[in-house]
Amino acid sequence: MNPFVTIKEKTHQAIRDKAIENAQVRILLCERALEDFSEDELEIIVAEEERKIYSAIKEKGILAVLAVLGIGVFG
């Protein structure tokens, strides 16, 4: 198994999970219930949060982000 594929998969999943957490906070801050959003609206919010995370990765560097997400390169 290619270790870089595993890191890529872990990174993608960690970014997705973090984007979902950020989306939940964003929904709470706008003072609307989760049920008030359609599935498409929720997906758009999560996608926006993912774009923000990927933008931060570009600014800060991939190794720093992996460390923040708790993903080890060698383990």
Protein backbone atom coordinates (compact mmCIF):
# COMPACT_ATOMS: atom_id res chain seq x y z
CA MET A 1 0.00 0.00 0.00
CA ASN A 2 1.27 3.42 -0.94
CA PRO A 3 1.72 5.51 2.23
CA PHE A 4 1.07 8.73 0.33
CA VAL A 5 -2.36 7.52 -0.75
CA THR A 6 -3.18 6.75 2.87
CA ILE A 7 -2.05 10.21 3.96
CA LYS A 8 -4.10 11.78 1.17
CA GLU A 9 -7.21 9.84 2.22
CA LYS A 10 -6.69 10.68 5.91
CA THR A 11 -6.12 14.33 5.05
CA HIS A 12 -9.23 14.53 2.89
CA GLN A 13 -11.37 12.90 5.60
CA ALA A 14 -9.91 15.12 8.34
CA ILE A 15 -10.59 18.23 6.26
CA ARG A 16 -14.14 17.05 5.58
CA ASP A 17 -14.73 16.38 9.28
CA LYS A 18 -13.34 19.79 10.24
CA ALA A 19 -15.48 21.46 7.56
CA ILE A 20 -18.57 19.76 8.99
CA GLU A 21 -17.67 20.98 12.49
CA ASN A 22 -17.16 24.52 11.16
CA ALA A 23 -20.48 24.33 9.30
CA GLN A 24 -22.28 23.28 12.48
CA VAL A 25 -20.83 26.27 14.32
CA ARG A 26 -21.77 28.55 11.44
CA ILE A 27 -25.35 27.25 11.53
CA LEU A 28 -25.57 27.78 15.29
CA LEU A 29 -24.29 31.34 14.94
CA CYS A 30 -26.94 32.23 12.36
CA GLU A 31 -29.58 31.14 14.91
CA ARG A 32 -31.41 28.75 12.61
CA ALA A 33 -32.20 25.13 13.32
CA LEU A 34 -30.42 22.45 11.32
CA GLU A 35 -33.80 21.25 10.11
CA ASP A 36 -34.43 24.66 8.47
CA PHE A 37 -31.75 23.91 5.87
CA SER A 38 -32.24 21.67 2.85
CA GLU A 39 -29.69 18.95 2.13
CA ASP A 40 -28.37 21.02 -0.78
CA GLU A 41 -27.92 24.08 1.43
CA LEU A 42 -26.04 22.03 4.01
CA GLU A 43 -23.75 20.61 1.33
CA ILE A 44 -23.04 24.12 0.03
CA ILE A 45 -22.14 25.32 3.54
CA VAL A 46 -19.80 22.35 4.08
CA ALA A 47 -18.22 22.89 0.65
CA GLU A 48 -17.59 26.56 1.50
CA GLU A 49 -15.95 25.53 4.77
CA GLU A 50 -13.79 22.99 2.89
CA ARG A 51 -12.67 25.72 0.48
CA LYS A 52 -11.69 27.89 3.44
CA ILE A 53 -9.60 25.04 4.87
CA TYR A 54 -7.91 24.33 1.53
CA SER A 55 -7.16 28.03 1.19
CA ALA A 56 -5.52 27.98 4.63
CA ILE A 57 -3.47 24.97 3.55
CA LYS A 58 -2.16 26.89 0.58
CA GLU A 59 -1.23 29.80 2.84
CA LYS A 60 0.35 27.84 5.69
CA GLY A 61 1.79 24.77 4.03
CA ILE A 62 0.70 21.19 4.05
CA LEU A 63 2.92 19.92 6.87
CA ALA A 64 1.65 22.54 9.29
CA VAL A 65 -1.93 21.64 8.47
CA LEU A 66 -1.27 17.91 8.86
CA ALA A 67 0.14 18.64 12.30
CA VAL A 68 -2.91 20.70 13.23
CA LEU A 69 -5.25 17.97 12.00
CA GLY A 70 -3.29 15.40 13.99
CA ILE A 71 -2.19 13.36 11.01
CA GLY A 72 1.30 11.95 11.30
CA VAL A 73 3.36 11.62 8.15
CA PHE A 74 5.35 8.66 9.44
CA GLY A 75 2.74 6.75 11.38
